[in-house]
C-alpha atoms as a PDB file:
ATOM      1  CA  UNK A   1      -0.365   0.436  -0.575  1.00  0.00           C
ATOM      2  CA  UNK A   2       1.403   3.433  -1.131  1.00  0.00           C
ATOM      3  CA  UNK A   3       2.040   6.934   0.987  1.00  0.00           C
ATOM      4  CA  UNK A   4       3.555  10.126   0.215  1.00  0.00           C
ATOM      5  CA  UNK A   5       5.491  11.991   3.421  1.00  0.00           C
ATOM      6  CA  UNK A   6       6.551  15.295   3.593  1.00  0.00           C
ATOM      7  CA  UNK A   7       9.042  16.417   5.895  1.00  0.00           C
ATOM      8  CA  UNK A   8       8.988  20.322   6.107  1.00  0.00           C
ATOM      9  CA  UNK A   9      11.857  22.185   7.817  1.00  0.00           C
ATOM     10  CA  UNK A  10      13.950  25.234   7.852  1.00  0.00           C
ATOM     11  CA  UNK A  11      16.102  25.147   5.253  1.00  0.00           C
ATOM     12  CA  UNK A  12      17.748  23.453   1.636  1.00  0.00           C
ATOM     13  CA  UNK A  13      21.319  22.136   3.341  1.00  0.00           C
ATOM     14  CA  UNK A  14      18.359  20.245   6.444  1.00  0.00           C
ATOM     15  CA  UNK A  15      16.022  19.055   3.481  1.00  0.00           C
ATOM     16  CA  UNK A  16      18.861  17.912   1.687  1.00  0.00           C
ATOM     17  CA  UNK A  17      20.576  15.975   4.814  1.00  0.00           C
ATOM     18  CA  UNK A  18      16.965  14.953   5.313  1.00  0.00           C
ATOM     19  CA  UNK A  19      16.703  13.585   1.714  1.00  0.00           C
ATOM     20  CA  UNK A  20      19.215  11.364   2.163  1.00  0.00           C
ATOM     21  CA  UNK A  21      19.050  10.073   5.220  1.00  0.00           C
ATOM     22  CA  UNK A  22      15.410   8.612   4.134  1.00  0.00           C
ATOM     23  CA  UNK A  23      16.225   7.100   1.318  1.00  0.00           C
ATOM     24  CA  UNK A  24      19.151   6.090   2.277  1.00  0.00           C
ATOM     25  CA  UNK A  25      16.707   3.834   5.260  1.00  0.00           C
ATOM     26  CA  UNK A  26      14.159   2.505   3.441  1.00  0.00           C
ATOM     27  CA  UNK A  27      12.436   2.143  -0.329  1.00  0.00           C
ATOM     28  CA  UNK A  28      11.395   5.489  -1.225  1.00  0.00           C
ATOM     29  CA  UNK A  29      10.987   7.799  -4.006  1.00  0.00           C
ATOM     30  CA  UNK A  30      11.979  11.897  -2.713  1.00  0.00           C
ATOM     31  CA  UNK A  31       8.879  13.425  -5.201  1.00  0.00           C
ATOM     32  CA  UNK A  32       9.684  17.289  -4.914  1.00  0.00           C
ATOM     33  CA  UNK A  33      11.596  19.230  -2.686  1.00  0.00           C
ATOM     34  CA  UNK A  34       9.011  22.072  -2.174  1.00  0.00           C
ATOM     35  CA  UNK A  35      10.390  25.620  -0.845  1.00  0.00           C
ATOM     36  CA  UNK A  36       8.286  28.359   0.992  1.00  0.00           C
ATOM     37  CA  UNK A  37       9.585  32.160   2.096  1.00  0.00           C
ATOM     38  CA  UNK A  38       6.981  35.230   2.816  1.00  0.00           C
ATOM     39  CA  UNK A  39       7.006  37.889   0.431  1.00  0.00           C
ATOM     40  CA  UNK A  40       7.620  40.009   2.887  1.00  0.00           C
ATOM     41  CA  UNK A  41      12.124  40.239   2.829  1.00  0.00           C
ATOM     42  CA  UNK A  42      11.835  41.675   6.548  1.00  0.00           C
ATOM     43  CA  UNK A  43       9.878  38.630   8.546  1.00  0.00           C
ATOM     44  CA  UNK A  44      13.624  37.099   9.951  1.00  0.00           C
ATOM     45  CA  UNK A  45      12.588  33.969   9.431  1.00  0.00           C
ATOM     46  CA  UNK A  46      14.768  30.700   7.175  1.00  0.00           C
ATOM     47  CA  UNK A  47      13.933  29.644   4.259  1.00  0.00           C
ATOM     48  CA  UNK A  48      10.950  26.792   4.362  1.00  0.00           C
ATOM     49  CA  UNK A  49      11.456  23.432   2.975  1.00  0.00           C
ATOM     50  CA  UNK A  50       9.093  20.549   1.948  1.00  0.00           C
ATOM     51  CA  UNK A  51      10.730  17.122   1.880  1.00  0.00           C
ATOM     52  CA  UNK A  52       7.935  14.786  -0.456  1.00  0.00           C
ATOM     53  CA  UNK A  53       8.407  11.539  -0.097  1.00  0.00           C
ATOM     54  CA  UNK A  54       6.866   7.822  -1.604  1.00  0.00           C
ATOM     55  CA  UNK A  55       6.877   4.920  -1.299  1.00  0.00           C
ATOM     56  CA  UNK A  56       4.993   1.873   1.084  1.00  0.00           C
ATOM     57  CA  UNK A  57       3.316   2.974   4.192  1.00  0.00           C
ATOM     58  CA  UNK A  58       6.286   1.253   6.809  1.00  0.00           C
ATOM     59  CA  UNK A  59       9.476   2.363   4.571  1.00  0.00           C
ATOM     60  CA  UNK A  60       7.684   6.001   4.102  1.00  0.00           C
ATOM     61  CA  UNK A  61       7.296   6.162   8.065  1.00  0.00           C
ATOM     62  CA  UNK A  62      11.007   4.781   9.025  1.00  0.00           C
ATOM     63  CA  UNK A  63      12.161   7.706   6.025  1.00  0.00           C
ATOM     64  CA  UNK A  64      10.323   9.520   7.738  1.00  0.00           C
ATOM     65  CA  UNK A  65      11.797   9.501  11.571  1.00  0.00           C
ATOM     66  CA  UNK A  66      15.346   8.590   9.440  1.00  0.00           C
ATOM     67  CA  UNK A  67      15.151  12.263   7.583  1.00  0.00           C
ATOM     68  CA  UNK A  68      13.586  14.219  11.220  1.00  0.00           C
ATOM     69  CA  UNK A  69      16.320  12.668  12.870  1.00  0.00           C
ATOM     70  CA  UNK A  70      18.939  13.711  10.913  1.00  0.00           C
ATOM     71  CA  UNK A  71      17.497  17.115   9.239  1.00  0.00           C
ATOM     72  CA  UNK A  72      17.270  18.128  14.004  1.00  0.00           C
ATOM     73  CA  UNK A  73      21.450  17.303  13.374  1.00  0.00           C
ATOM     74  CA  UNK A  74      21.119  20.783  11.157  1.00  0.00           C
ATOM     75  CA  UNK A  75      18.482  23.100  11.728  1.00  0.00           C
ATOM     76  CA  UNK A  76      14.085  22.230  13.145  1.00  0.00           C
ATOM     77  CA  UNK A  77      11.993  20.274  11.917  1.00  0.00           C
ATOM     78  CA  UNK A  78       8.606  22.115  11.364  1.00  0.00           C
ATOM     79  CA  UNK A  79       6.427  19.035  10.544  1.00  0.00           C
ATOM     80  CA  UNK A  80       6.191  15.466   9.505  1.00  0.00           C
ATOM     81  CA  UNK A  81       3.194  13.981   8.270  1.00  0.00           C
ATOM     82  CA  UNK A  82       2.137  10.637   5.979  1.00  0.00           C
ATOM     83  CA  UNK A  83      -0.886  10.521   4.304  1.00  0.00           C
ATOM     84  CA  UNK A  84      -1.431   6.649   3.543  1.00  0.00           C
ATOM     85  CA  UNK A  85      -3.469   5.852   0.432  1.00  0.00           C
ATOM     86  CA  UNK A  86      -2.783   9.276  -1.241  1.00  0.00           C
ATOM     87  CA  UNK A  87      -6.484  10.356  -3.845  1.00  0.00           C
ATOM     88  CA  UNK A  88      -4.946  10.280  -7.217  1.00  0.00           C
ATOM     89  CA  UNK A  89      -4.400  13.823  -7.314  1.00  0.00           C
ATOM     90  CA  UNK A  90      -3.068  13.935  -4.526  1.00  0.00           C
ATOM     91  CA  UNK A  91      -0.259  12.265  -6.253  1.00  0.00           C
ATOM     92  CA  UNK A  92      -0.256  14.397  -8.933  1.00  0.00           C
ATOM     93  CA  UNK A  93       0.100  17.816  -6.796  1.00  0.00           C
ATOM     94  CA  UNK A  94       3.299  16.439  -4.556  1.00  0.00           C
ATOM     95  CA  UNK A  95       4.732  17.214  -7.655  1.00  0.00           C
ATOM     96  CA  UNK A  96       4.170  20.897  -7.886  1.00  0.00           C
ATOM     97  CA  UNK A  97       6.933  22.806  -6.066  1.00  0.00           C
ATOM     98  CA  UNK A  98       8.605  26.582  -6.156  1.00  0.00           C
ATOM     99  CA  UNK A  99      12.352  25.361  -6.688  1.00  0.00           C
ATOM    100  CA  UNK A 100      12.611  25.699 -11.488  1.00  0.00           C
ATOM    101  CA  UNK A 101       9.822  28.526 -11.500  1.00  0.00           C
ATOM    102  CA  UNK A 102       6.658  26.616 -10.585  1.00  0.00           C
ATOM    103  CA  UNK A 103       7.031  24.219 -12.754  1.00  0.00           C
ATOM    104  CA  UNK A 104       5.616  20.129 -12.453  1.00  0.00           C
ATOM    105  CA  UNK A 105       9.036  18.395 -12.201  1.00  0.00           C
END
């Protein structure tokens, strides 16, 4: 049974470290890395990055745990969430990201 995992962290480095750990820990694919930063540059917060992975429910659980642990060594984790048995349109939405000028990759 398939699942989607989302790990939202502060900073691209934390996202890459988390993605590396997640991919090494379980049979998952990294579907997208999405960024978000408020337009008001006066807000002193770091870039928020969402790592989106896909795999079996058990593999996504293991991967997110490993990713969260690795990311916390670099920065902080905002949210970790698993969507078991995602709706078909949800699978399409995880491919959307702001990296690459909002193109679906």
